Amino acid sequence: MSVPDPSEFSAAWVSAWNAHDLDAVLAHFHDDVVFTSPLAARLVPDSGGVLRGKEALRRYWTEGLRLLPDLHLTVERVYAGVTALVITYRNQAGGVVDEVLVFADGLVVEGHGTYLVEP
C-alpha cells in the first residue's frame, strides 16, 4: 500500500497537532510538499492559498498557532485510498475540516485543507 497505516498515521498526526508540536507534524511532510488551503490564502495573502515547500508550511502553521492558541482537533473519520488519506476532524470551534493528504514514499507530497460548506 502506498499510504501509511491510516489509524497509526491519524493518531500520530492529531497527537502532534494537539501538542502544538510543529516539528512532529512536519515530520510527515516531504521537503517539496505543496499544500493548499483557503485559510492559507487569508493568513499568507501573497500565497493565493498555495504553499510550496516545508518551510512555507512551517511559517503558515506557526502563524496559525499564534492566532489560535487553543487549537484542538478531534478526528472523526479517516478514509484510505491508494495514495491518499483523508482525515475528517472537528476543530476547537466545532468546524468540520477534511485534510486530504497524498503520499509518496511514506511522506505527504500534496495536501489540501478543505472546509465544510453549509448549503
PDB file of N, CA and C in Angstrom:
ATOM      1  N   MET A   1       0.851  -1.184   0.000  1.00  0.00           N
ATOM      2  CA  MET A   1       0.000   0.000   0.000  1.00  0.00           C
ATOM      3  C   MET A   1       0.892   1.240   0.000  1.00  0.00           C
ATOM      4  N   SER A   2       0.488   2.276  -0.716  1.00  0.00           N
ATOM      5  CA  SER A   2       1.278   3.494  -0.850  1.00  0.00           C
ATOM      6  C   SER A   2       1.082   4.474   0.292  1.00  0.00           C
ATOM      7  N   VAL A   3       0.096   4.248   1.130  1.00  0.00           N
ATOM      8  CA  VAL A   3      -0.148   5.161   2.254  1.00  0.00           C
ATOM      9  C   VAL A   3       0.258   4.456   3.549  1.00  0.00           C
ATOM     10  N   PRO A   4       0.620   5.228   4.573  1.00  0.00           N
ATOM     11  CA  PRO A   4       0.917   4.600   5.862  1.00  0.00           C
ATOM     12  C   PRO A   4      -0.355   4.030   6.477  1.00  0.00           C
ATOM     13  N   ASP A   5      -0.189   3.259   7.539  1.00  0.00           N
ATOM     14  CA  ASP A   5      -1.352   2.725   8.232  1.00  0.00           C
ATOM     15  C   ASP A   5      -2.265   3.886   8.636  1.00  0.00           C
ATOM     16  N   PRO A   6      -3.511   3.893   8.175  1.00  0.00           N
ATOM     17  CA  PRO A   6      -4.402   5.030   8.421  1.00  0.00           C
ATOM     18  C   PRO A   6      -4.628   5.341   9.898  1.00  0.00           C
ATOM     19  N   SER A   7      -4.836   4.318  10.702  1.00  0.00           N
ATOM     20  CA  SER A   7      -5.093   4.547  12.132  1.00  0.00           C
ATOM     21  C   SER A   7      -3.853   5.089  12.835  1.00  0.00           C
ATOM     22  N   GLU A   8      -2.708   4.471  12.561  1.00  0.00           N
ATOM     23  CA  GLU A   8      -1.468   4.935  13.189  1.00  0.00           C
ATOM     24  C   GLU A   8      -1.120   6.356  12.754  1.00  0.00           C
ATOM     25  N   PHE A   9      -1.242   6.621  11.446  1.00  0.00           N
ATOM     26  CA  PHE A   9      -0.898   7.945  10.949  1.00  0.00           C
ATOM     27  C   PHE A   9      -1.804   9.003  11.556  1.00  0.00           C
ATOM     28  N   SER A  10      -3.122   8.783  11.520  1.00  0.00           N
ATOM     29  CA  SER A  10      -4.053   9.809  12.018  1.00  0.00           C
ATOM     30  C   SER A  10      -3.868  10.030  13.514  1.00  0.00           C
ATOM     31  N   ALA A  11      -3.547   8.980  14.270  1.00  0.00           N
ATOM     32  CA  ALA A  11      -3.315   9.136  15.710  1.00  0.00           C
ATOM     33  C   ALA A  11      -2.064   9.970  15.969  1.00  0.00           C
ATOM     34  N   ALA A  12      -0.989   9.707  15.236  1.00  0.00           N
ATOM     35  CA  ALA A  12       0.245  10.486  15.401  1.00  0.00           C
ATOM     36  C   ALA A  12       0.038  11.927  14.946  1.00  0.00           C
ATOM     37  N   TRP A  13      -0.682  12.097  13.847  1.00  0.00           N
ATOM     38  CA  TRP A  13      -0.941  13.422  13.276  1.00  0.00           C
ATOM     39  C   TRP A  13      -1.740  14.284  14.254  1.00  0.00           C
ATOM     40  N   VAL A  14      -2.842  13.755  14.792  1.00  0.00           N
ATOM     41  CA  VAL A  14      -3.679  14.549  15.702  1.00  0.00           C
ATOM     42  C   VAL A  14      -2.961  14.787  17.025  1.00  0.00           C
ATOM     43  N   SER A  15      -2.183  13.822  17.480  1.00  0.00           N
ATOM     44  CA  SER A  15      -1.415  13.998  18.716  1.00  0.00           C
ATOM     45  C   SER A  15      -0.411  15.141  18.564  1.00  0.00           C
ATOM     46  N   ALA A  16       0.280  15.182  17.429  1.00  0.00           N
ATOM     47  CA  ALA A  16       1.245  16.260  17.180  1.00  0.00           C
ATOM     48  C   ALA A  16       0.544  17.617  17.110  1.00  0.00           C
ATOM     49  N   TRP A  17      -0.590  17.671  16.417  1.00  0.00           N
ATOM     50  CA  TRP A  17      -1.330  18.939  16.344  1.00  0.00           C
ATOM     51  C   TRP A  17      -1.802  19.389  17.724  1.00  0.00           C
ATOM     52  N   ASN A  18      -2.368  18.482  18.491  1.00  0.00           N
ATOM     53  CA  ASN A  18      -2.903  18.862  19.796  1.00  0.00           C
ATOM     54  C   ASN A  18      -1.810  19.237  20.787  1.00  0.00           C
ATOM     55  N   ALA A  19      -0.595  18.764  20.553  1.00  0.00           N
ATOM     56  CA  ALA A  19       0.554  19.168  21.366  1.00  0.00           C
ATOM     57  C   ALA A  19       1.177  20.457  20.840  1.00  0.00           C
ATOM     58  N   HIS A  20       0.671  20.941  19.696  1.00  0.00           N
ATOM     59  CA  HIS A  20       1.218  22.125  19.016  1.00  0.00           C
ATOM     60  C   HIS A  20       2.701  21.921  18.701  1.00  0.00           C
ATOM     61  N   ASP A  21       3.049  20.686  18.336  1.00  0.00           N
ATOM     62  CA  ASP A  21       4.418  20.304  18.030  1.00  0.00           C
ATOM     63  C   ASP A  21       4.607  20.305  16.513  1.00  0.00           C
ATOM     64  N   LEU A  22       4.969  21.466  15.966  1.00  0.00           N
ATOM     65  CA  LEU A  22       5.088  21.589  14.508  1.00  0.00           C
ATOM     66  C   LEU A  22       6.171  20.691  13.934  1.00  0.00           C
ATOM     67  N   ASP A  23       7.257  20.472  14.666  1.00  0.00           N
ATOM     68  CA  ASP A  23       8.289  19.572  14.149  1.00  0.00           C
ATOM     69  C   ASP A  23       7.725  18.171  13.950  1.00  0.00           C
ATOM     70  N   ALA A  24       6.908  17.712  14.887  1.00  0.00           N
ATOM     71  CA  ALA A  24       6.296  16.386  14.764  1.00  0.00           C
ATOM     72  C   ALA A  24       5.284  16.351  13.618  1.00  0.00           C
ATOM     73  N   VAL A  25       4.505  17.418  13.455  1.00  0.00           N
ATOM     74  CA  VAL A  25       3.560  17.482  12.331  1.00  0.00           C
ATOM     75  C   VAL A  25       4.327  17.460  11.020  1.00  0.00           C
ATOM     76  N   LEU A  26       5.331  18.322  10.905  1.00  0.00           N
ATOM     77  CA  LEU A  26       6.073  18.469   9.654  1.00  0.00           C
ATOM     78  C   LEU A  26       6.923  17.254   9.316  1.00  0.00           C
ATOM     79  N   ALA A  27       7.212  16.408  10.288  1.00  0.00           N
ATOM     80  CA  ALA A  27       7.983  15.193  10.012  1.00  0.00           C
ATOM     81  C   ALA A  27       7.259  14.278   9.025  1.00  0.00           C
ATOM     82  N   HIS A  28       5.954  14.448   8.883  1.00  0.00           N
ATOM     83  CA  HIS A  28       5.160  13.636   7.961  1.00  0.00           C
ATOM     84  C   HIS A  28       5.193  14.172   6.528  1.00  0.00           C
ATOM     85  N   PHE A  29       5.799  15.331   6.312  1.00  0.00           N
ATOM     86  CA  PHE A  29       5.720  16.015   5.024  1.00  0.00           C
ATOM     87  C   PHE A  29       7.064  16.032   4.302  1.00  0.00           C
ATOM     88  N   HIS A  30       7.007  15.865   2.991  1.00  0.00           N
ATOM     89  CA  HIS A  30       8.179  15.936   2.128  1.00  0.00           C
ATOM     90  C   HIS A  30       8.669  17.389   2.065  1.00  0.00           C
ATOM     91  N   ASP A  31       9.959  17.571   1.881  1.00  0.00           N
ATOM     92  CA  ASP A  31      10.527  18.928   1.804  1.00  0.00           C
ATOM     93  C   ASP A  31       9.879  19.758   0.697  1.00  0.00           C
ATOM     94  N   ASP A  32       9.470  19.107  -0.394  1.00  0.00           N
ATOM     95  CA  ASP A  32       8.895  19.816  -1.547  1.00  0.00           C
ATOM     96  C   ASP A  32       7.373  19.721  -1.600  1.00  0.00           C
ATOM     97  N   VAL A  33       6.739  19.538  -0.457  1.00  0.00           N
ATOM     98  CA  VAL A  33       5.287  19.414  -0.390  1.00  0.00           C
ATOM     99  C   VAL A  33       4.602  20.641  -0.986  1.00  0.00           C
ATOM    100  N   VAL A  34       3.440  20.424  -1.561  1.00  0.00           N
ATOM    101  CA  VAL A  34       2.549  21.508  -1.987  1.00  0.00           C
ATOM    102  C   VAL A  34       1.278  21.345  -1.169  1.00  0.00           C
ATOM    103  N   PHE A  35       0.863  22.422  -0.511  1.00  0.00           N
ATOM    104  CA  PHE A  35      -0.303  22.375   0.366  1.00  0.00           C
ATOM    105  C   PHE A  35      -1.216  23.546   0.021  1.00  0.00           C
ATOM    106  N   THR A  36      -2.515  23.266  -0.105  1.00  0.00           N
ATOM    107  CA  THR A  36      -3.478  24.323  -0.400  1.00  0.00           C
ATOM    108  C   THR A  36      -4.491  24.429   0.724  1.00  0.00           C
ATOM    109  N   SER A  37      -4.932  25.669   0.957  1.00  0.00           N
ATOM    110  CA  SER A  37      -5.937  25.899   1.989  1.00  0.00           C
ATOM    111  C   SER A  37      -6.518  27.302   1.824  1.00  0.00           C
ATOM    112  N   PRO A  38      -7.846  27.422   1.931  1.00  0.00           N
ATOM    113  CA  PRO A  38      -8.427  28.757   1.908  1.00  0.00           C
ATOM    114  C   PRO A  38      -7.976  29.590   3.102  1.00  0.00           C
ATOM    115  N   LEU A  39      -7.671  28.945   4.220  1.00  0.00           N
ATOM    116  CA  LEU A  39      -7.176  29.674   5.383  1.00  0.00           C
ATOM    117  C   LEU A  39      -5.783  30.237   5.104  1.00  0.00           C
ATOM    118  N   ALA A  40      -4.966  29.498   4.377  1.00  0.00           N
ATOM    119  CA  ALA A  40      -3.633  29.999   3.993  1.00  0.00           C
ATOM    120  C   ALA A  40      -3.761  31.253   3.142  1.00  0.00           C
ATOM    121  N   ALA A  41      -4.787  31.304   2.319  1.00  0.00           N
ATOM    122  CA  ALA A  41      -4.996  32.492   1.484  1.00  0.00           C
ATOM    123  C   ALA A  41      -5.234  33.731   2.346  1.00  0.00           C
ATOM    124  N   ARG A  42      -5.839  33.538   3.528  1.00  0.00           N
ATOM    125  CA  ARG A  42      -6.083  34.671   4.428  1.00  0.00           C
ATOM    126  C   ARG A  42      -4.868  35.000   5.283  1.00  0.00           C
ATOM    127  N   LEU A  43      -4.181  33.970   5.776  1.00  0.00           N
ATOM    128  CA  LEU A  43      -3.054  34.199   6.682  1.00  0.00           C
ATOM    129  C   LEU A  43      -1.763  34.548   5.952  1.00  0.00           C
ATOM    130  N   VAL A  44      -1.632  34.067   4.724  1.00  0.00           N
ATOM    131  CA  VAL A  44      -0.452  34.350   3.905  1.00  0.00           C
ATOM    132  C   VAL A  44      -0.973  34.850   2.555  1.00  0.00           C
ATOM    133  N   PRO A  45      -1.452  36.099   2.506  1.00  0.00           N
ATOM    134  CA  PRO A  45      -2.159  36.592   1.323  1.00  0.00           C
ATOM    135  C   PRO A  45      -1.392  36.440   0.003  1.00  0.00           C
ATOM    136  N   ASP A  46      -0.074  36.611   0.038  1.00  0.00           N
ATOM    137  CA  ASP A  46       0.665  36.514  -1.221  1.00  0.00           C
ATOM    138  C   ASP A  46       0.788  35.077  -1.728  1.00  0.00           C
ATOM    139  N   SER A  47       0.312  34.098  -0.948  1.00  0.00           N
ATOM    140  CA  SER A  47       0.376  32.694  -1.360  1.00  0.00           C
ATOM    141  C   SER A  47      -0.762  32.320  -2.305  1.00  0.00           C
ATOM    142  N   GLY A  48      -1.853  33.061  -2.259  1.00  0.00           N
ATOM    143  CA  GLY A  48      -3.028  32.677  -3.023  1.00  0.00           C
ATOM    144  C   GLY A  48      -3.618  31.368  -2.532  1.00  0.00           C
ATOM    145  N   GLY A  49      -3.231  30.960  -1.312  1.00  0.00           N
ATOM    146  CA  GLY A  49      -3.737  29.723  -0.738  1.00  0.00           C
ATOM    147  C   GLY A  49      -2.927  28.495  -1.096  1.00  0.00           C
ATOM    148  N   VAL A  50      -1.803  28.690  -1.812  1.00  0.00           N
ATOM    149  CA  VAL A  50      -0.943  27.578  -2.216  1.00  0.00           C
ATOM    150  C   VAL A  50       0.426  27.775  -1.583  1.00  0.00           C
ATOM    151  N   LEU A  51       0.825  26.815  -0.760  1.00  0.00           N
ATOM    152  CA  LEU A  51       2.124  26.874  -0.092  1.00  0.00           C
ATOM    153  C   LEU A  51       3.030  25.816  -0.695  1.00  0.00           C
ATOM    154  N   ARG A  52       4.246  26.218  -1.008  1.00  0.00           N
ATOM    155  CA  ARG A  52       5.196  25.304  -1.656  1.00  0.00           C
ATOM    156  C   ARG A  52       6.412  25.117  -0.767  1.00  0.00           C
ATOM    157  N   GLY A  53       6.615  23.894  -0.320  1.00  0.00           N
ATOM    158  CA  GLY A  53       7.770  23.560   0.488  1.00  0.00           C
ATOM    159  C   GLY A  53       7.460  23.532   1.970  1.00  0.00           C
ATOM    160  N   LYS A  54       8.233  22.711   2.667  1.00  0.00           N
ATOM    161  CA  LYS A  54       8.020  22.501   4.097  1.00  0.00           C
ATOM    162  C   LYS A  54       8.219  23.787   4.897  1.00  0.00           C
ATOM    163  N   GLU A  55       9.171  24.630   4.507  1.00  0.00           N
ATOM    164  CA  GLU A  55       9.412  25.858   5.266  1.00  0.00           C
ATOM    165  C   GLU A  55       8.253  26.850   5.120  1.00  0.00           C
ATOM    166  N   ALA A  56       7.638  26.912   3.947  1.00  0.00           N
ATOM    167  CA  ALA A  56       6.451  27.764   3.769  1.00  0.00           C
ATOM    168  C   ALA A  56       5.305  27.239   4.634  1.00  0.00           C
ATOM    169  N   LEU A  57       5.188  25.934   4.707  1.00  0.00           N
ATOM    170  CA  LEU A  57       4.159  25.316   5.541  1.00  0.00           C
ATOM    171  C   LEU A  57       4.423  25.617   7.019  1.00  0.00           C
ATOM    172  N   ARG A  58       5.681  25.568   7.428  1.00  0.00           N
ATOM    173  CA  ARG A  58       6.042  25.892   8.813  1.00  0.00           C
ATOM    174  C   ARG A  58       5.651  27.341   9.150  1.00  0.00           C
ATOM    175  N   ARG A  59       5.955  28.254   8.267  1.00  0.00           N
ATOM    176  CA  ARG A  59       5.611  29.669   8.523  1.00  0.00           C
ATOM    177  C   ARG A  59       4.098  29.849   8.645  1.00  0.00           C
ATOM    178  N   TYR A  60       3.340  29.223   7.761  1.00  0.00           N
ATOM    179  CA  TYR A  60       1.882  29.306   7.782  1.00  0.00           C
ATOM    180  C   TYR A  60       1.324  28.727   9.081  1.00  0.00           C
ATOM    181  N   TRP A  61       1.754  27.533   9.434  1.00  0.00           N
ATOM    182  CA  TRP A  61       1.212  26.897  10.633  1.00  0.00           C
ATOM    183  C   TRP A  61       1.706  27.565  11.913  1.00  0.00           C
ATOM    184  N   THR A  62       2.893  28.139  11.888  1.00  0.00           N
ATOM    185  CA  THR A  62       3.363  28.899  13.054  1.00  0.00           C
ATOM    186  C   THR A  62       2.450  30.090  13.295  1.00  0.00           C
ATOM    187  N   GLU A  63       2.098  30.793  12.238  1.00  0.00           N
ATOM    188  CA  GLU A  63       1.179  31.929  12.363  1.00  0.00           C
ATOM    189  C   GLU A  63      -0.204  31.458  12.797  1.00  0.00           C
ATOM    190  N   GLY A  64      -0.667  30.341  12.254  1.00  0.00           N
ATOM    191  CA  GLY A  64      -1.965  29.807  12.643  1.00  0.00           C
ATOM    192  C   GLY A  64      -2.025  29.465  14.129  1.00  0.00           C
ATOM    193  N   LEU A  65      -0.980  28.838  14.637  1.00  0.00           N
ATOM    194  CA  LEU A  65      -0.955  28.502  16.069  1.00  0.00           C
ATOM    195  C   LEU A  65      -0.842  29.750  16.932  1.00  0.00           C
ATOM    196  N   ARG A  66      -0.164  30.771  16.426  1.00  0.00           N
ATOM    197  CA  ARG A  66      -0.080  32.029  17.179  1.00  0.00           C
ATOM    198  C   ARG A  66      -1.468  32.649  17.318  1.00  0.00           C
ATOM    199  N   LEU A  67      -2.241  32.598  16.244  1.00  0.00           N
ATOM    200  CA  LEU A  67      -3.577  33.191  16.244  1.00  0.00           C
ATOM    201  C   LEU A  67      -4.618  32.313  16.941  1.00  0.00           C
ATOM    202  N   LEU A  68      -4.352  30.996  17.021  1.00  0.00           N
ATOM    203  CA  LEU A  68      -5.291  30.053  17.632  1.00  0.00           C
ATOM    204  C   LEU A  68      -4.582  29.254  18.729  1.00  0.00           C
ATOM    205  N   PRO A  69      -4.250  29.899  19.834  1.00  0.00           N
ATOM    206  CA  PRO A  69      -3.512  29.185  20.883  1.00  0.00           C
ATOM    207  C   PRO A  69      -4.314  28.058  21.531  1.00  0.00           C
ATOM    208  N   ASP A  70      -5.638  28.061  21.324  1.00  0.00           N
ATOM    209  CA  ASP A  70      -6.472  26.998  21.882  1.00  0.00           C
ATOM    210  C   ASP A  70      -6.779  25.896  20.867  1.00  0.00           C
ATOM    211  N   LEU A  71      -6.044  25.858  19.760  1.00  0.00           N
ATOM    212  CA  LEU A  71      -6.285  24.866  18.719  1.00  0.00           C
ATOM    213  C   LEU A  71      -6.319  23.455  19.300  1.00  0.00           C
ATOM    214  N   HIS A  72      -7.380  22.743  18.978  1.00  0.00           N
ATOM    215  CA  HIS A  72      -7.524  21.347  19.395  1.00  0.00           C
ATOM    216  C   HIS A  72      -8.360  20.640  18.339  1.00  0.00           C
ATOM    217  N   LEU A  73      -7.890  19.484  17.888  1.00  0.00           N
ATOM    218  CA  LEU A  73      -8.567  18.733  16.844  1.00  0.00           C
ATOM    219  C   LEU A  73      -9.054  17.394  17.382  1.00  0.00           C
ATOM    220  N   THR A  74     -10.218  16.975  16.902  1.00  0.00           N
ATOM    221  CA  THR A  74     -10.761  15.666  17.224  1.00  0.00           C
ATOM    222  C   THR A  74     -11.048  14.943  15.915  1.00  0.00           C
ATOM    223  N   VAL A  75     -10.341  13.841  15.677  1.00  0.00           N
ATOM    224  CA  VAL A  75     -10.544  13.067  14.451  1.00  0.00           C
ATOM    225  C   VAL A  75     -11.896  12.377  14.519  1.00  0.00           C
ATOM    226  N   GLU A  76     -12.686  12.537  13.467  1.00  0.00           N
ATOM    227  CA  GLU A  76     -13.997  11.894  13.387  1.00  0.00           C
ATOM    228  C   GLU A  76     -14.007  10.701  12.448  1.00  0.00           C
ATOM    229  N   ARG A  77     -13.260  10.789  11.348  1.00  0.00           N
ATOM    230  CA  ARG A  77     -13.205   9.706  10.366  1.00  0.00           C
ATOM    231  C   ARG A  77     -11.866   9.761   9.648  1.00  0.00           C
ATOM    232  N   VAL A  78     -11.459   8.608   9.148  1.00  0.00           N
ATOM    233  CA  VAL A  78     -10.263   8.524   8.318  1.00  0.00           C
ATOM    234  C   VAL A  78     -10.608   7.650   7.115  1.00  0.00           C
ATOM    235  N   TYR A  79     -10.317   8.144   5.928  1.00  0.00           N
ATOM    236  CA  TYR A  79     -10.562   7.417   4.694  1.00  0.00           C
ATOM    237  C   TYR A  79      -9.212   7.102   4.049  1.00  0.00           C
ATOM    238  N   ALA A  80      -9.079   5.895   3.503  1.00  0.00           N
ATOM    239  CA  ALA A  80      -7.838   5.496   2.854  1.00  0.00           C
ATOM    240  C   ALA A  80      -8.080   5.205   1.384  1.00  0.00           C
ATOM    241  N   GLY A  81      -7.189   5.725   0.550  1.00  0.00           N
ATOM    242  CA  GLY A  81      -7.180   5.422  -0.876  1.00  0.00           C
ATOM    243  C   GLY A  81      -5.869   4.742  -1.216  1.00  0.00           C
ATOM    244  N   VAL A  82      -5.566   4.661  -2.481  1.00  0.00           N
ATOM    245  CA  VAL A  82      -4.336   4.013  -2.920  1.00  0.00           C
ATOM    246  C   VAL A  82      -3.119   4.850  -2.552  1.00  0.00           C
ATOM    247  N   THR A  83      -3.196   6.159  -2.801  1.00  0.00           N
ATOM    248  CA  THR A  83      -2.067   7.046  -2.497  1.00  0.00           C
ATOM    249  C   THR A  83      -2.456   8.182  -1.564  1.00  0.00           C
ATOM    250  N   ALA A  84      -3.670   8.156  -1.025  1.00  0.00           N
ATOM    251  CA  ALA A  84      -4.141   9.286  -0.222  1.00  0.00           C
ATOM    252  C   ALA A  84      -4.879   8.831   1.027  1.00  0.00           C
ATOM    253  N   LEU A  85      -4.799   9.675   2.032  1.00  0.00           N
ATOM    254  CA  LEU A  85      -5.635   9.562   3.224  1.00  0.00           C
ATOM    255  C   LEU A  85      -6.443  10.845   3.329  1.00  0.00           C
ATOM    256  N   VAL A  86      -7.662  10.713   3.813  1.00  0.00           N
ATOM    257  CA  VAL A  86      -8.484  11.877   4.125  1.00  0.00           C
ATOM    258  C   VAL A  86      -8.823  11.769   5.605  1.00  0.00           C
ATOM    259  N   ILE A  87      -8.455  12.812   6.340  1.00  0.00           N
ATOM    260  CA  ILE A  87      -8.745  12.852   7.772  1.00  0.00           C
ATOM    261  C   ILE A  87      -9.825  13.903   7.983  1.00  0.00           C
ATOM    262  N   THR A  88     -10.980  13.466   8.461  1.00  0.00           N
ATOM    263  CA  THR A  88     -12.064  14.380   8.798  1.00  0.00           C
ATOM    264  C   THR A  88     -11.958  14.656  10.284  1.00  0.00           C
ATOM    265  N   TYR A  89     -11.889  15.941  10.614  1.00  0.00           N
ATOM    266  CA  TYR A  89     -11.771  16.300  12.026  1.00  0.00           C
ATOM    267  C   TYR A  89     -12.643  17.507  12.339  1.00  0.00           C
ATOM    268  N   ARG A  90     -12.868  17.679  13.617  1.00  0.00           N
ATOM    269  CA  ARG A  90     -13.584  18.844  14.124  1.00  0.00           C
ATOM    270  C   ARG A  90     -12.554  19.665  14.886  1.00  0.00           C
ATOM    271  N   ASN A  91     -12.555  20.983  14.632  1.00  0.00           N
ATOM    272  CA  ASN A  91     -11.597  21.851  15.321  1.00  0.00           C
ATOM    273  C   ASN A  91     -12.195  22.408  16.606  1.00  0.00           C
ATOM    274  N   GLN A  92     -11.413  23.206  17.304  1.00  0.00           N
ATOM    275  CA  GLN A  92     -11.811  23.738  18.613  1.00  0.00           C
ATOM    276  C   GLN A  92     -13.070  24.600  18.534  1.00  0.00           C
ATOM    277  N   ALA A  93     -13.383  25.128  17.361  1.00  0.00           N
ATOM    278  CA  ALA A  93     -14.576  25.954  17.197  1.00  0.00           C
ATOM    279  C   ALA A  93     -15.779  25.129  16.741  1.00  0.00           C
ATOM    280  N   GLY A  94     -15.571  23.822  16.565  1.00  0.00           N
ATOM    281  CA  GLY A  94     -16.657  22.957  16.117  1.00  0.00           C
ATOM    282  C   GLY A  94     -16.737  22.816  14.610  1.00  0.00           C
ATOM    283  N   GLY A  95     -15.833  23.488  13.891  1.00  0.00           N
ATOM    284  CA  GLY A  95     -15.834  23.401  12.435  1.00  0.00           C
ATOM    285  C   GLY A  95     -15.373  22.042  11.948  1.00  0.00           C
ATOM    286  N   VAL A  96     -15.958  21.590  10.839  1.00  0.00           N
ATOM    287  CA  VAL A  96     -15.596  20.314  10.245  1.00  0.00           C
ATOM    288  C   VAL A  96     -14.638  20.567   9.080  1.00  0.00           C
ATOM    289  N   VAL A  97     -13.521  19.838   9.110  1.00  0.00           N
ATOM    290  CA  VAL A  97     -12.468  20.004   8.110  1.00  0.00           C
ATOM    291  C   VAL A  97     -12.063  18.629   7.597  1.00  0.00           C
ATOM    292  N   ASP A  98     -11.804  18.546   6.304  1.00  0.00           N
ATOM    293  CA  ASP A  98     -11.188  17.358   5.713  1.00  0.00           C
ATOM    294  C   ASP A  98      -9.789  17.736   5.280  1.00  0.00           C
ATOM    295  N   GLU A  99      -8.821  16.969   5.726  1.00  0.00           N
ATOM    296  CA  GLU A  99      -7.441  17.136   5.300  1.00  0.00           C
ATOM    297  C   GLU A  99      -7.170  16.010   4.311  1.00  0.00           C
ATOM    298  N   VAL A 100      -6.917  16.369   3.065  1.00  0.00           N
ATOM    299  CA  VAL A 100      -6.653  15.394   2.005  1.00  0.00           C
ATOM    300  C   VAL A 100      -5.140  15.341   1.833  1.00  0.00           C
ATOM    301  N   LEU A 101      -4.551  14.177   2.073  1.00  0.00           N
ATOM    302  CA  LEU A 101      -3.092  14.032   2.069  1.00  0.00           C
ATOM    303  C   LEU A 101      -2.684  12.966   1.057  1.00  0.00           C
ATOM    304  N   VAL A 102      -1.852  13.356   0.103  1.00  0.00           N
ATOM    305  CA  VAL A 102      -1.359  12.446  -0.932  1.00  0.00           C
ATOM    306  C   VAL A 102       0.084  12.084  -0.588  1.00  0.00           C
ATOM    307  N   PHE A 103       0.394  10.786  -0.645  1.00  0.00           N
ATOM    308  CA  PHE A 103       1.690  10.272  -0.201  1.00  0.00           C
ATOM    309  C   PHE A 103       2.539   9.747  -1.347  1.00  0.00           C
ATOM    310  N   ALA A 104       3.848   9.844  -1.142  1.00  0.00           N
ATOM    311  CA  ALA A 104       4.837   9.163  -1.970  1.00  0.00           C
ATOM    312  C   ALA A 104       5.980   8.782  -1.042  1.00  0.00           C
ATOM    313  N   ASP A 105       6.388   7.542  -1.105  1.00  0.00           N
ATOM    314  CA  ASP A 105       7.484   7.049  -0.264  1.00  0.00           C
ATOM    315  C   ASP A 105       7.272   7.355   1.219  1.00  0.00           C
ATOM    316  N   GLY A 106       6.016   7.256   1.671  1.00  0.00           N
ATOM    317  CA  GLY A 106       5.706   7.402   3.089  1.00  0.00           C
ATOM    318  C   GLY A 106       5.562   8.820   3.603  1.00  0.00           C
ATOM    319  N   LEU A 107       5.767   9.818   2.736  1.00  0.00           N
ATOM    320  CA  LEU A 107       5.640  11.221   3.156  1.00  0.00           C
ATOM    321  C   LEU A 107       4.549  11.913   2.357  1.00  0.00           C
ATOM    322  N   VAL A 108       3.955  12.933   2.970  1.00  0.00           N
ATOM    323  CA  VAL A 108       2.936  13.724   2.281  1.00  0.00           C
ATOM    324  C   VAL A 108       3.638  14.615   1.260  1.00  0.00           C
ATOM    325  N   VAL A 109       3.251  14.476  -0.006  1.00  0.00           N
ATOM    326  CA  VAL A 109       3.807  15.312  -1.064  1.00  0.00           C
ATOM    327  C   VAL A 109       2.814  16.374  -1.519  1.00  0.00           C
ATOM    328  N   GLU A 110       1.549  16.155  -1.184  1.00  0.00           N
ATOM    329  CA  GLU A 110       0.493  17.104  -1.556  1.00  0.00           C
ATOM    330  C   GLU A 110      -0.586  17.044  -0.493  1.00  0.00           C
ATOM    331  N   GLY A 111      -1.048  18.207  -0.060  1.00  0.00           N
ATOM    332  CA  GLY A 111      -2.100  18.258   0.935  1.00  0.00           C
ATOM    333  C   GLY A 111      -3.094  19.353   0.616  1.00  0.00           C
ATOM    334  N   HIS A 112      -4.321  19.142   1.071  1.00  0.00           N
ATOM    335  CA  HIS A 112      -5.384  20.117   0.825  1.00  0.00           C
ATOM    336  C   HIS A 112      -6.258  20.214   2.071  1.00  0.00           C
ATOM    337  N   GLY A 113      -6.320  21.397   2.656  1.00  0.00           N
ATOM    338  CA  GLY A 113      -7.253  21.656   3.742  1.00  0.00           C
ATOM    339  C   GLY A 113      -8.568  22.075   3.118  1.00  0.00           C
ATOM    340  N   THR A 114      -9.645  21.339   3.409  1.00  0.00           N
ATOM    341  CA  THR A 114     -10.950  21.653   2.847  1.00  0.00           C
ATOM    342  C   THR A 114     -11.961  21.800   3.968  1.00  0.00           C
ATOM    343  N   TYR A 115     -12.846  22.739   3.821  1.00  0.00           N
ATOM    344  CA  TYR A 115     -13.766  23.104   4.902  1.00  0.00           C
ATOM    345  C   TYR A 115     -15.205  22.857   4.485  1.00  0.00           C
ATOM    346  N   LEU A 116     -16.011  22.361   5.426  1.00  0.00           N
ATOM    347  CA  LEU A 116     -17.417  22.072   5.160  1.00  0.00           C
ATOM    348  C   LEU A 116     -18.147  23.347   4.761  1.00  0.00           C
ATOM    349  N   VAL A 117     -18.905  23.236   3.695  1.00  0.00           N
ATOM    350  CA  VAL A 117     -19.725  24.341   3.213  1.00  0.00           C
ATOM    351  C   VAL A 117     -21.175  23.969   3.491  1.00  0.00           C
ATOM    352  N   GLU A 118     -21.824  24.772   4.284  1.00  0.00           N
ATOM    353  CA  GLU A 118     -23.241  24.527   4.557  1.00  0.00           C
ATOM    354  C   GLU A 118     -24.070  25.070   3.398  1.00  0.00           C
ATOM    355  N   PRO A 119     -25.049  24.288   2.909  1.00  0.00           N
ATOM    356  CA  PRO A 119     -25.890  24.758   1.776  1.00  0.00           C
ATOM    357  C   PRO A 119     -26.751  25.939   2.165  1.00  0.00           C
TER     358      PRO A 119
END
